[in-house]
N, C-alpha and C. Protein backbone atom coordinates (compact mmCIF):
# COMPACT_ATOMS: atom_id res chain seq x y z
N MET A 1 0.86 -1.19 0.00
CA MET A 1 0.00 0.00 0.00
C MET A 1 0.89 1.23 0.00
N LYS A 2 0.68 2.14 -0.90
CA LYS A 2 1.56 3.30 -0.92
C LYS A 2 1.16 4.31 0.15
N GLU A 3 2.17 5.01 0.64
CA GLU A 3 1.91 6.06 1.62
C GLU A 3 1.17 7.22 0.93
N LEU A 4 0.23 7.79 1.62
CA LEU A 4 -0.48 8.94 1.07
C LEU A 4 0.33 10.21 1.30
N SER A 5 0.30 11.10 0.33
CA SER A 5 0.93 12.40 0.54
C SER A 5 0.01 13.23 1.42
N MET A 6 0.53 14.33 1.92
CA MET A 6 -0.27 15.23 2.74
C MET A 6 -1.49 15.72 1.95
N ASP A 7 -1.25 16.06 0.68
CA ASP A 7 -2.35 16.53 -0.17
C ASP A 7 -3.45 15.47 -0.31
N GLU A 8 -3.00 14.23 -0.51
CA GLU A 8 -3.98 13.15 -0.67
C GLU A 8 -4.78 12.95 0.61
N ARG A 9 -4.10 13.11 1.74
CA ARG A 9 -4.79 12.97 3.03
C ARG A 9 -5.85 14.06 3.19
N VAL A 10 -5.47 15.28 2.86
CA VAL A 10 -6.41 16.40 2.97
C VAL A 10 -7.59 16.17 2.03
N GLN A 11 -7.28 15.75 0.82
CA GLN A 11 -8.31 15.46 -0.18
C GLN A 11 -9.32 14.44 0.35
N LEU A 12 -8.79 13.38 0.97
CA LEU A 12 -9.65 12.34 1.51
C LEU A 12 -10.54 12.88 2.61
N LEU A 13 -9.96 13.72 3.48
CA LEU A 13 -10.73 14.24 4.60
C LEU A 13 -11.90 15.10 4.15
N VAL A 14 -11.73 15.76 3.01
CA VAL A 14 -12.84 16.62 2.54
C VAL A 14 -13.73 15.91 1.53
N SER A 15 -13.40 14.68 1.18
CA SER A 15 -14.25 13.99 0.21
C SER A 15 -15.53 13.47 0.88
N PRO A 16 -16.55 13.16 0.08
CA PRO A 16 -17.83 12.74 0.65
C PRO A 16 -17.71 11.47 1.49
N ASP A 17 -18.64 11.32 2.43
CA ASP A 17 -18.65 10.15 3.32
C ASP A 17 -18.53 8.85 2.55
N SER A 18 -19.27 8.76 1.44
CA SER A 18 -19.30 7.51 0.68
C SER A 18 -17.91 7.17 0.13
N GLU A 19 -17.16 8.19 -0.26
CA GLU A 19 -15.80 7.96 -0.77
C GLU A 19 -14.87 7.54 0.35
N ARG A 20 -15.03 8.16 1.52
CA ARG A 20 -14.19 7.77 2.65
C ARG A 20 -14.53 6.35 3.09
N LEU A 21 -15.79 6.00 3.04
CA LEU A 21 -16.20 4.64 3.39
C LEU A 21 -15.54 3.64 2.42
N ALA A 22 -15.61 3.94 1.13
CA ALA A 22 -15.02 3.05 0.11
C ALA A 22 -13.51 2.92 0.34
N TYR A 23 -12.87 4.05 0.64
CA TYR A 23 -11.42 4.03 0.89
C TYR A 23 -11.11 3.18 2.13
N PHE A 24 -11.90 3.37 3.16
CA PHE A 24 -11.71 2.62 4.40
C PHE A 24 -11.78 1.10 4.15
N VAL A 25 -12.79 0.68 3.41
CA VAL A 25 -12.98 -0.75 3.14
C VAL A 25 -11.80 -1.28 2.32
N GLU A 26 -11.42 -0.52 1.29
CA GLU A 26 -10.32 -0.93 0.42
C GLU A 26 -9.01 -1.05 1.21
N GLN A 27 -8.74 -0.05 2.04
CA GLN A 27 -7.53 0.01 2.86
C GLN A 27 -7.53 -1.13 3.89
N ALA A 28 -8.66 -1.35 4.53
CA ALA A 28 -8.74 -2.40 5.55
C ALA A 28 -8.49 -3.77 4.92
N LYS A 29 -9.04 -3.97 3.72
CA LYS A 29 -8.82 -5.25 3.04
C LYS A 29 -7.35 -5.40 2.66
N ALA A 30 -6.74 -4.31 2.23
CA ALA A 30 -5.34 -4.37 1.78
C ALA A 30 -4.38 -4.57 2.95
N THR A 31 -4.62 -3.89 4.06
CA THR A 31 -3.69 -3.96 5.20
C THR A 31 -4.13 -5.00 6.22
N GLU A 32 -5.38 -5.46 6.10
CA GLU A 32 -6.00 -6.37 7.06
C GLU A 32 -6.03 -5.78 8.46
N LEU A 33 -6.12 -4.45 8.51
CA LEU A 33 -6.20 -3.76 9.80
C LEU A 33 -7.26 -2.69 9.75
N VAL A 34 -7.85 -2.46 10.92
CA VAL A 34 -8.78 -1.37 11.12
C VAL A 34 -8.24 -0.62 12.34
N TRP A 35 -8.39 0.70 12.35
CA TRP A 35 -7.83 1.49 13.46
C TRP A 35 -8.94 2.17 14.25
N SER A 36 -8.76 2.21 15.56
CA SER A 36 -9.68 2.97 16.40
C SER A 36 -8.85 3.68 17.46
N LEU A 37 -9.50 4.42 18.35
CA LEU A 37 -8.79 5.11 19.43
C LEU A 37 -9.14 4.45 20.75
N SER A 38 -8.12 4.34 21.59
CA SER A 38 -8.32 3.67 22.86
C SER A 38 -7.58 4.41 23.96
N ASN A 39 -8.14 4.35 25.16
CA ASN A 39 -7.42 4.85 26.34
C ASN A 39 -7.52 3.80 27.43
N GLU A 40 -7.22 4.17 28.68
CA GLU A 40 -7.23 3.18 29.76
C GLU A 40 -8.57 2.49 29.91
N GLU A 41 -9.63 3.20 29.56
CA GLU A 41 -10.96 2.62 29.74
C GLU A 41 -11.41 1.76 28.56
N GLY A 42 -10.59 1.70 27.54
CA GLY A 42 -10.97 0.90 26.37
C GLY A 42 -11.18 1.78 25.16
N PHE A 43 -11.90 1.24 24.19
CA PHE A 43 -12.09 1.98 22.95
C PHE A 43 -13.07 3.13 23.14
N VAL A 44 -12.80 4.21 22.44
CA VAL A 44 -13.60 5.42 22.54
C VAL A 44 -14.97 5.23 21.91
N MET A 45 -15.99 5.66 22.64
CA MET A 45 -17.36 5.64 22.12
C MET A 45 -17.84 7.08 22.09
N VAL A 46 -18.61 7.41 21.09
CA VAL A 46 -19.23 8.73 21.07
C VAL A 46 -20.74 8.55 21.07
N GLU A 47 -21.42 9.54 21.61
CA GLU A 47 -22.87 9.46 21.59
C GLU A 47 -23.40 10.27 20.43
N THR A 48 -24.27 9.65 19.67
CA THR A 48 -24.91 10.37 18.57
C THR A 48 -26.40 10.39 18.85
N ASP A 49 -27.14 11.03 17.98
CA ASP A 49 -28.60 11.06 18.14
C ASP A 49 -29.17 9.66 18.09
N ASP A 50 -28.46 8.77 17.40
CA ASP A 50 -28.94 7.40 17.25
C ASP A 50 -28.39 6.45 18.30
N GLY A 51 -27.75 6.99 19.34
CA GLY A 51 -27.18 6.11 20.36
C GLY A 51 -25.67 6.07 20.26
N ASP A 52 -25.09 5.07 20.91
CA ASP A 52 -23.63 4.98 20.96
C ASP A 52 -23.04 4.58 19.62
N CYS A 53 -21.80 4.99 19.46
CA CYS A 53 -21.14 4.83 18.18
C CYS A 53 -19.65 4.62 18.42
N VAL A 54 -19.05 3.71 17.67
CA VAL A 54 -17.62 3.47 17.70
C VAL A 54 -17.03 4.10 16.45
N MET A 55 -15.81 4.63 16.57
CA MET A 55 -15.19 5.25 15.40
C MET A 55 -14.03 4.40 14.89
N VAL A 56 -13.95 4.27 13.58
CA VAL A 56 -12.86 3.51 12.97
C VAL A 56 -12.26 4.30 11.81
N TRP A 57 -10.96 4.07 11.61
CA TRP A 57 -10.22 4.76 10.55
C TRP A 57 -9.39 3.77 9.75
N PRO A 58 -8.97 4.21 8.55
CA PRO A 58 -8.17 3.31 7.70
C PRO A 58 -6.70 3.23 8.11
N ASP A 59 -6.19 4.20 8.87
CA ASP A 59 -4.80 4.09 9.32
C ASP A 59 -4.59 4.87 10.61
N ALA A 60 -3.42 4.67 11.20
CA ALA A 60 -3.11 5.25 12.51
C ALA A 60 -3.08 6.77 12.45
N GLU A 61 -2.56 7.30 11.34
CA GLU A 61 -2.39 8.75 11.25
C GLU A 61 -3.75 9.47 11.23
N PHE A 62 -4.69 8.93 10.46
CA PHE A 62 -6.02 9.54 10.46
C PHE A 62 -6.65 9.45 11.85
N ALA A 63 -6.48 8.31 12.50
CA ALA A 63 -7.05 8.14 13.83
C ALA A 63 -6.43 9.11 14.83
N SER A 64 -5.11 9.29 14.73
CA SER A 64 -4.44 10.11 15.73
C SER A 64 -4.81 11.58 15.63
N GLN A 65 -5.35 12.00 14.48
CA GLN A 65 -5.79 13.40 14.36
C GLN A 65 -6.94 13.69 15.32
N TRP A 66 -7.59 12.63 15.78
CA TRP A 66 -8.70 12.80 16.72
C TRP A 66 -8.26 12.78 18.17
N ALA A 67 -7.01 12.39 18.42
CA ALA A 67 -6.56 12.23 19.80
C ALA A 67 -6.17 13.58 20.41
N ILE A 68 -7.15 14.48 20.44
CA ILE A 68 -6.92 15.82 20.99
C ILE A 68 -8.06 16.18 21.94
N ASP A 69 -7.93 17.30 22.61
CA ASP A 69 -8.96 17.78 23.54
C ASP A 69 -9.38 16.71 24.53
N GLU A 70 -10.68 16.36 24.52
CA GLU A 70 -11.15 15.39 25.51
C GLU A 70 -10.55 14.01 25.30
N TRP A 71 -9.97 13.77 24.13
CA TRP A 71 -9.41 12.46 23.84
C TRP A 71 -7.89 12.46 23.73
N ASP A 72 -7.26 13.46 24.39
CA ASP A 72 -5.81 13.53 24.23
C ASP A 72 -5.09 12.41 24.99
N ASP A 73 -5.85 11.62 25.73
CA ASP A 73 -5.22 10.47 26.41
C ASP A 73 -5.36 9.20 25.56
N CYS A 74 -5.85 9.36 24.35
CA CYS A 74 -6.10 8.19 23.51
C CYS A 74 -4.96 7.92 22.54
N GLU A 75 -4.82 6.66 22.21
CA GLU A 75 -3.81 6.23 21.24
C GLU A 75 -4.51 5.49 20.12
N PRO A 76 -4.02 5.63 18.88
CA PRO A 76 -4.56 4.79 17.82
C PRO A 76 -4.18 3.33 18.10
N VAL A 77 -5.12 2.44 17.97
CA VAL A 77 -4.88 1.02 18.19
C VAL A 77 -5.41 0.26 16.98
N SER A 78 -4.61 -0.69 16.51
CA SER A 78 -5.07 -1.45 15.35
C SER A 78 -5.83 -2.70 15.80
N ILE A 79 -6.79 -3.07 15.01
CA ILE A 79 -7.58 -4.27 15.23
C ILE A 79 -7.43 -5.08 13.94
N SER A 80 -7.13 -6.35 14.04
CA SER A 80 -7.00 -7.12 12.81
C SER A 80 -8.37 -7.19 12.15
N LEU A 81 -8.36 -7.23 10.84
CA LEU A 81 -9.62 -7.27 10.10
C LEU A 81 -10.43 -8.51 10.50
N ASP A 82 -9.73 -9.62 10.72
CA ASP A 82 -10.43 -10.84 11.16
C ASP A 82 -11.17 -10.63 12.47
N THR A 83 -10.50 -10.00 13.42
CA THR A 83 -11.12 -9.72 14.73
C THR A 83 -12.27 -8.75 14.56
N PHE A 84 -12.06 -7.74 13.70
CA PHE A 84 -13.09 -6.74 13.47
C PHE A 84 -14.35 -7.41 12.91
N LYS A 85 -14.14 -8.26 11.90
CA LYS A 85 -15.28 -8.93 11.27
C LYS A 85 -15.87 -10.01 12.17
N GLY A 86 -15.00 -10.76 12.86
CA GLY A 86 -15.45 -11.92 13.60
C GLY A 86 -15.97 -11.63 15.00
N GLU A 87 -15.44 -10.58 15.62
CA GLU A 87 -15.82 -10.28 17.00
C GLU A 87 -16.51 -8.93 17.15
N TRP A 88 -15.88 -7.89 16.62
CA TRP A 88 -16.44 -6.55 16.79
C TRP A 88 -17.82 -6.42 16.16
N LEU A 89 -17.91 -6.71 14.86
CA LEU A 89 -19.18 -6.46 14.17
C LEU A 89 -20.34 -7.26 14.77
N PRO A 90 -20.15 -8.55 15.07
CA PRO A 90 -21.27 -9.27 15.70
C PRO A 90 -21.67 -8.68 17.05
N SER A 91 -20.68 -8.29 17.87
CA SER A 91 -21.05 -7.77 19.18
C SER A 91 -21.63 -6.36 19.09
N LEU A 92 -21.17 -5.56 18.12
CA LEU A 92 -21.76 -4.23 17.91
C LEU A 92 -23.21 -4.38 17.45
N THR A 93 -23.45 -5.37 16.61
CA THR A 93 -24.81 -5.63 16.13
C THR A 93 -25.73 -5.96 17.31
N LEU A 94 -25.24 -6.84 18.18
CA LEU A 94 -26.03 -7.24 19.35
C LEU A 94 -26.32 -6.05 20.26
N ASP A 95 -25.32 -5.20 20.45
CA ASP A 95 -25.48 -4.06 21.36
C ASP A 95 -26.10 -2.86 20.68
N ASN A 96 -26.43 -3.03 19.40
CA ASN A 96 -27.05 -1.94 18.65
C ASN A 96 -26.19 -0.68 18.61
N ILE A 97 -24.90 -0.88 18.44
CA ILE A 97 -23.97 0.24 18.39
C ILE A 97 -23.60 0.49 16.93
N THR A 98 -23.69 1.74 16.51
CA THR A 98 -23.34 2.05 15.13
C THR A 98 -21.83 2.31 15.02
N VAL A 99 -21.37 2.38 13.79
CA VAL A 99 -19.95 2.60 13.53
C VAL A 99 -19.81 3.87 12.69
N ALA A 100 -19.02 4.81 13.19
CA ALA A 100 -18.70 5.99 12.38
C ALA A 100 -17.43 5.64 11.62
N VAL A 101 -17.58 5.49 10.32
CA VAL A 101 -16.44 5.09 9.50
C VAL A 101 -15.68 6.31 9.02
N PHE A 102 -14.39 6.36 9.39
CA PHE A 102 -13.48 7.39 8.89
C PHE A 102 -14.04 8.80 9.09
N PRO A 103 -14.38 9.15 10.34
CA PRO A 103 -14.85 10.53 10.56
C PRO A 103 -13.73 11.52 10.23
N ASN A 104 -14.11 12.65 9.69
CA ASN A 104 -13.11 13.67 9.40
C ASN A 104 -13.15 14.73 10.51
N ILE A 105 -12.40 15.77 10.32
CA ILE A 105 -12.26 16.76 11.38
C ILE A 105 -13.57 17.49 11.67
N GLU A 106 -14.44 17.57 10.67
CA GLU A 106 -15.74 18.21 10.89
C GLU A 106 -16.66 17.30 11.68
N ASP A 107 -16.13 16.15 12.13
CA ASP A 107 -16.95 15.27 12.94
C ASP A 107 -17.93 14.51 12.08
N GLU A 108 -17.66 14.47 10.79
CA GLU A 108 -18.59 13.75 9.93
C GLU A 108 -17.97 12.42 9.55
N GLY A 109 -18.76 11.40 9.69
CA GLY A 109 -18.31 10.09 9.26
C GLY A 109 -19.53 9.37 8.76
N LYS A 110 -19.32 8.38 7.96
CA LYS A 110 -20.44 7.60 7.46
C LYS A 110 -20.91 6.72 8.61
N LEU A 111 -22.11 6.99 9.10
CA LEU A 111 -22.65 6.15 10.18
C LEU A 111 -23.23 4.90 9.56
N SER A 112 -22.62 3.77 9.90
CA SER A 112 -23.08 2.51 9.34
C SER A 112 -23.47 1.58 10.47
N THR A 113 -24.37 0.68 10.19
CA THR A 113 -24.62 -0.36 11.17
C THR A 113 -23.53 -1.41 10.97
N ALA A 114 -23.29 -2.18 12.01
CA ALA A 114 -22.30 -3.23 11.92
C ALA A 114 -22.66 -4.22 10.82
N ALA A 115 -23.96 -4.47 10.65
CA ALA A 115 -24.42 -5.40 9.62
C ALA A 115 -24.07 -4.89 8.22
N GLU A 116 -24.25 -3.58 7.99
CA GLU A 116 -23.91 -2.99 6.69
C GLU A 116 -22.43 -3.15 6.42
N LEU A 117 -21.63 -2.90 7.44
CA LEU A 117 -20.17 -3.02 7.27
C LEU A 117 -19.78 -4.46 7.01
N ALA A 118 -20.40 -5.38 7.72
CA ALA A 118 -20.08 -6.80 7.53
C ALA A 118 -20.31 -7.20 6.07
N GLU A 119 -21.36 -6.66 5.49
CA GLU A 119 -21.64 -6.96 4.08
C GLU A 119 -20.55 -6.42 3.16
N LEU A 120 -20.04 -5.25 3.48
CA LEU A 120 -18.98 -4.66 2.65
C LEU A 120 -17.71 -5.48 2.71
N PHE A 121 -17.50 -6.15 3.84
CA PHE A 121 -16.29 -6.97 4.00
C PHE A 121 -16.51 -8.43 3.64
N ALA A 122 -17.73 -8.77 3.30
CA ALA A 122 -18.04 -10.19 3.02
C ALA A 122 -17.32 -10.66 1.77
């Protein structure tokens, strides 16, 4: 997987949710990793109008851009794609927790259900 230039990173952050979702899926399949933020209490959850939500990113650098302010104690942590598909998505489905895929700095991410994501990785 080639490293993204700064310009490409900025481009991705301002591209539509659907494009970031597609990039996330492609990247996760290529690297077999998914990234999230974690601190001593575990993985970061955010509350949305639709309930709790977990955030995931295609790489550590995108994730670490979020580790500021209230989350400055967080570190990007990788999850193997197998674990994400085999453990995370089923348990998120059970707990009715949505997934914010590749949120950008404006706090926008494609809110997907775990079931929708599982289909993309099937």
